[in-house]
C-alpha atoms as a PDB file:
ATOM      1  CA  UNK A   1     -20.391  -4.460-202.141  1.00  0.00           C
ATOM      2  CA  UNK A   2     -20.631  -2.527-198.740  1.00  0.00           C
ATOM      3  CA  UNK A   3     -17.655  -0.289-198.001  1.00  0.00           C
ATOM      4  CA  UNK A   4     -16.726  -2.304-194.815  1.00  0.00           C
ATOM      5  CA  UNK A   5     -16.329  -5.474-196.993  1.00  0.00           C
ATOM      6  CA  UNK A   6     -13.730  -3.337-199.096  1.00  0.00           C
ATOM      7  CA  UNK A   7     -12.209  -2.192-196.142  1.00  0.00           C
ATOM      8  CA  UNK A   8     -11.926  -5.620-194.580  1.00  0.00           C
ATOM      9  CA  UNK A   9     -10.588  -7.006-197.940  1.00  0.00           C
ATOM     10  CA  UNK A  10      -7.701  -4.005-198.124  1.00  0.00           C
ATOM     11  CA  UNK A  11      -6.619  -5.201-194.424  1.00  0.00           C
ATOM     12  CA  UNK A  12      -6.677  -8.879-195.172  1.00  0.00           C
ATOM     13  CA  UNK A  13      -4.337  -7.851-198.069  1.00  0.00           C
ATOM     14  CA  UNK A  14      -2.020  -5.361-196.480  1.00  0.00           C
ATOM     15  CA  UNK A  15      -1.363  -7.573-193.360  1.00  0.00           C
ATOM     16  CA  UNK A  16      -0.495 -11.095-192.530  1.00  0.00           C
ATOM     17  CA  UNK A  17      -2.878 -13.089-190.421  1.00  0.00           C
ATOM     18  CA  UNK A  18      -0.277 -13.619-187.661  1.00  0.00           C
ATOM     19  CA  UNK A  19       0.664 -10.096-187.306  1.00  0.00           C
ATOM     20  CA  UNK A  20       1.287  -9.408-183.590  1.00  0.00           C
ATOM     21  CA  UNK A  21      -0.590  -6.752-181.641  1.00  0.00           C
ATOM     22  CA  UNK A  22       0.564  -3.063-181.984  1.00  0.00           C
ATOM     23  CA  UNK A  23       1.074  -0.865-185.051  1.00  0.00           C
ATOM     24  CA  UNK A  24       2.326  -1.411-188.562  1.00  0.00           C
ATOM     25  CA  UNK A  25       2.450   0.608-191.497  1.00  0.00           C
ATOM     26  CA  UNK A  26       1.756  -0.456-194.957  1.00  0.00           C
ATOM     27  CA  UNK A  27       2.254   2.226-197.782  1.00  0.00           C
ATOM     28  CA  UNK A  28       1.039   2.144-201.355  1.00  0.00           C
ATOM     29  CA  UNK A  29       2.734   4.635-203.461  1.00  0.00           C
ATOM     30  CA  UNK A  30       2.121   8.006-201.925  1.00  0.00           C
ATOM     31  CA  UNK A  31      -0.538   6.756-199.486  1.00  0.00           C
ATOM     32  CA  UNK A  32      -1.326   3.902-197.223  1.00  0.00           C
ATOM     33  CA  UNK A  33      -2.310   2.875-193.648  1.00  0.00           C
ATOM     34  CA  UNK A  34      -1.204   2.556-190.233  1.00  0.00           C
ATOM     35  CA  UNK A  35      -2.640  -0.475-188.828  1.00  0.00           C
ATOM     36  CA  UNK A  36      -3.741  -0.845-184.921  1.00  0.00           C
ATOM     37  CA  UNK A  37      -3.905  -4.313-183.874  1.00  0.00           C
ATOM     38  CA  UNK A  38      -5.438  -5.193-180.643  1.00  0.00           C
ATOM     39  CA  UNK A  39      -6.743  -8.590-179.782  1.00  0.00           C
ATOM     40  CA  UNK A  40      -8.692  -9.801-183.094  1.00  0.00           C
ATOM     41  CA  UNK A  41      -9.555  -6.208-183.947  1.00  0.00           C
ATOM     42  CA  UNK A  42      -7.812  -3.945-186.517  1.00  0.00           C
ATOM     43  CA  UNK A  43      -7.958  -0.196-186.948  1.00  0.00           C
ATOM     44  CA  UNK A  44      -6.920   1.375-190.229  1.00  0.00           C
ATOM     45  CA  UNK A  45      -5.530   4.856-189.774  1.00  0.00           C
ATOM     46  CA  UNK A  46      -4.936   6.291-193.355  1.00  0.00           C
ATOM     47  CA  UNK A  47      -1.857   8.105-194.063  1.00  0.00           C
ATOM     48  CA  UNK A  48      -0.040  10.135-196.974  1.00  0.00           C
ATOM     49  CA  UNK A  49       3.245  10.973-197.670  1.00  0.00           C
ATOM     50  CA  UNK A  50       3.683  14.953-197.533  1.00  0.00           C
ATOM     51  CA  UNK A  51       4.718  17.505-199.978  1.00  0.00           C
ATOM     52  CA  UNK A  52       5.609  19.604-197.102  1.00  0.00           C
ATOM     53  CA  UNK A  53       8.926  20.126-195.251  1.00  0.00           C
ATOM     54  CA  UNK A  54       9.254  19.126-191.682  1.00  0.00           C
ATOM     55  CA  UNK A  55       7.002  16.378-192.123  1.00  0.00           C
ATOM     56  CA  UNK A  56       7.639  12.686-192.653  1.00  0.00           C
ATOM     57  CA  UNK A  57       3.940  11.565-192.857  1.00  0.00           C
ATOM     58  CA  UNK A  58       0.500  13.089-192.799  1.00  0.00           C
ATOM     59  CA  UNK A  59      -1.640  10.911-190.442  1.00  0.00           C
ATOM     60  CA  UNK A  60      -5.258  10.827-190.456  1.00  0.00           C
ATOM     61  CA  UNK A  61      -5.037  10.143-186.247  1.00  0.00           C
ATOM     62  CA  UNK A  62      -7.298  12.798-185.223  1.00  0.00           C
ATOM     63  CA  UNK A  63     -10.340  10.928-183.393  1.00  0.00           C
ATOM     64  CA  UNK A  64     -12.889  12.062-185.895  1.00  0.00           C
ATOM     65  CA  UNK A  65     -10.909   9.688-188.266  1.00  0.00           C
ATOM     66  CA  UNK A  66     -10.514   6.934-185.894  1.00  0.00           C
ATOM     67  CA  UNK A  67     -14.094   5.630-185.992  1.00  0.00           C
ATOM     68  CA  UNK A  68     -14.277   1.938-186.605  1.00  0.00           C
ATOM     69  CA  UNK A  69     -12.223  -1.394-185.776  1.00  0.00           C
ATOM     70  CA  UNK A  70     -12.486  -4.641-187.888  1.00  0.00           C
ATOM     71  CA  UNK A  71     -12.556  -8.092-186.901  1.00  0.00           C
ATOM     72  CA  UNK A  72     -11.213 -10.149-189.981  1.00  0.00           C
ATOM     73  CA  UNK A  73     -12.060 -13.718-188.806  1.00  0.00           C
ATOM     74  CA  UNK A  74     -16.023 -12.848-188.431  1.00  0.00           C
ATOM     75  CA  UNK A  75     -16.081  -9.961-190.775  1.00  0.00           C
ATOM     76  CA  UNK A  76     -17.439  -7.799-187.854  1.00  0.00           C
ATOM     77  CA  UNK A  77     -17.252  -3.770-187.329  1.00  0.00           C
ATOM     78  CA  UNK A  78     -17.445  -2.276-184.186  1.00  0.00           C
ATOM     79  CA  UNK A  79     -17.599   1.914-183.752  1.00  0.00           C
ATOM     80  CA  UNK A  80     -15.122   2.976-181.476  1.00  0.00           C
ATOM     81  CA  UNK A  81     -16.183   5.166-178.451  1.00  0.00           C
ATOM     82  CA  UNK A  82     -14.569   8.379-178.087  1.00  0.00           C
ATOM     83  CA  UNK A  83     -12.534   7.404-174.929  1.00  0.00           C
ATOM     84  CA  UNK A  84     -11.097   4.392-176.764  1.00  0.00           C
ATOM     85  CA  UNK A  85     -10.377   7.098-179.809  1.00  0.00           C
ATOM     86  CA  UNK A  86      -8.581   9.166-177.539  1.00  0.00           C
ATOM     87  CA  UNK A  87      -6.331   6.046-176.013  1.00  0.00           C
ATOM     88  CA  UNK A  88      -5.529   4.892-179.638  1.00  0.00           C
ATOM     89  CA  UNK A  89      -4.491   8.412-180.721  1.00  0.00           C
ATOM     90  CA  UNK A  90      -2.149   8.530-177.643  1.00  0.00           C
ATOM     91  CA  UNK A  91      -0.833   5.095-178.418  1.00  0.00           C
ATOM     92  CA  UNK A  92      -0.221   6.222-181.856  1.00  0.00           C
ATOM     93  CA  UNK A  93       1.364   9.416-181.095  1.00  0.00           C
ATOM     94  CA  UNK A  94       3.713   7.818-178.676  1.00  0.00           C
ATOM     95  CA  UNK A  95       4.690   4.990-181.209  1.00  0.00           C
ATOM     96  CA  UNK A  96       5.323   7.532-184.062  1.00  0.00           C
ATOM     97  CA  UNK A  97       7.652   9.246-181.746  1.00  0.00           C
ATOM     98  CA  UNK A  98       9.636   6.218-180.939  1.00  0.00           C
ATOM     99  CA  UNK A  99       9.797   5.687-184.544  1.00  0.00           C
ATOM    100  CA  UNK A 100      11.318   9.234-185.076  1.00  0.00           C
ATOM    101  CA  UNK A 101       8.281  10.050-187.472  1.00  0.00           C
ATOM    102  CA  UNK A 102       7.289  13.653-187.851  1.00  0.00           C
ATOM    103  CA  UNK A 103       3.626  14.132-188.096  1.00  0.00           C
ATOM    104  CA  UNK A 104       0.722  16.330-188.289  1.00  0.00           C
ATOM    105  CA  UNK A 105      -1.670  14.827-185.779  1.00  0.00           C
ATOM    106  CA  UNK A 106      -3.610  17.337-183.429  1.00  0.00           C
ATOM    107  CA  UNK A 107      -3.385  15.555-180.232  1.00  0.00           C
ATOM    108  CA  UNK A 108      -6.762  15.572-178.284  1.00  0.00           C
ATOM    109  CA  UNK A 109      -8.919  16.527-181.406  1.00  0.00           C
END
């Protein structure tokens, strides 16, 4: 099985097909994902519950981690260009701030 097929299957298990565009958190014990859905594509962003005071969540939200988006209907995968990665990162940081979630994302990296 190709890695992207596993990721698509995981996404399909985690979020309902009729999920609205935007962000959604799905946890599995100490880890999980923040999913960013836009149009028919979903970007999984890994998270982990920290053992660190002052943080609610460790978020792999740097641009080096936001690399691919997945279309579940046709099982398509696309690489995300760097400008789009920064846009998603900024939207994610604003969303986390609105939710009052303290995170470790280094904005602009």
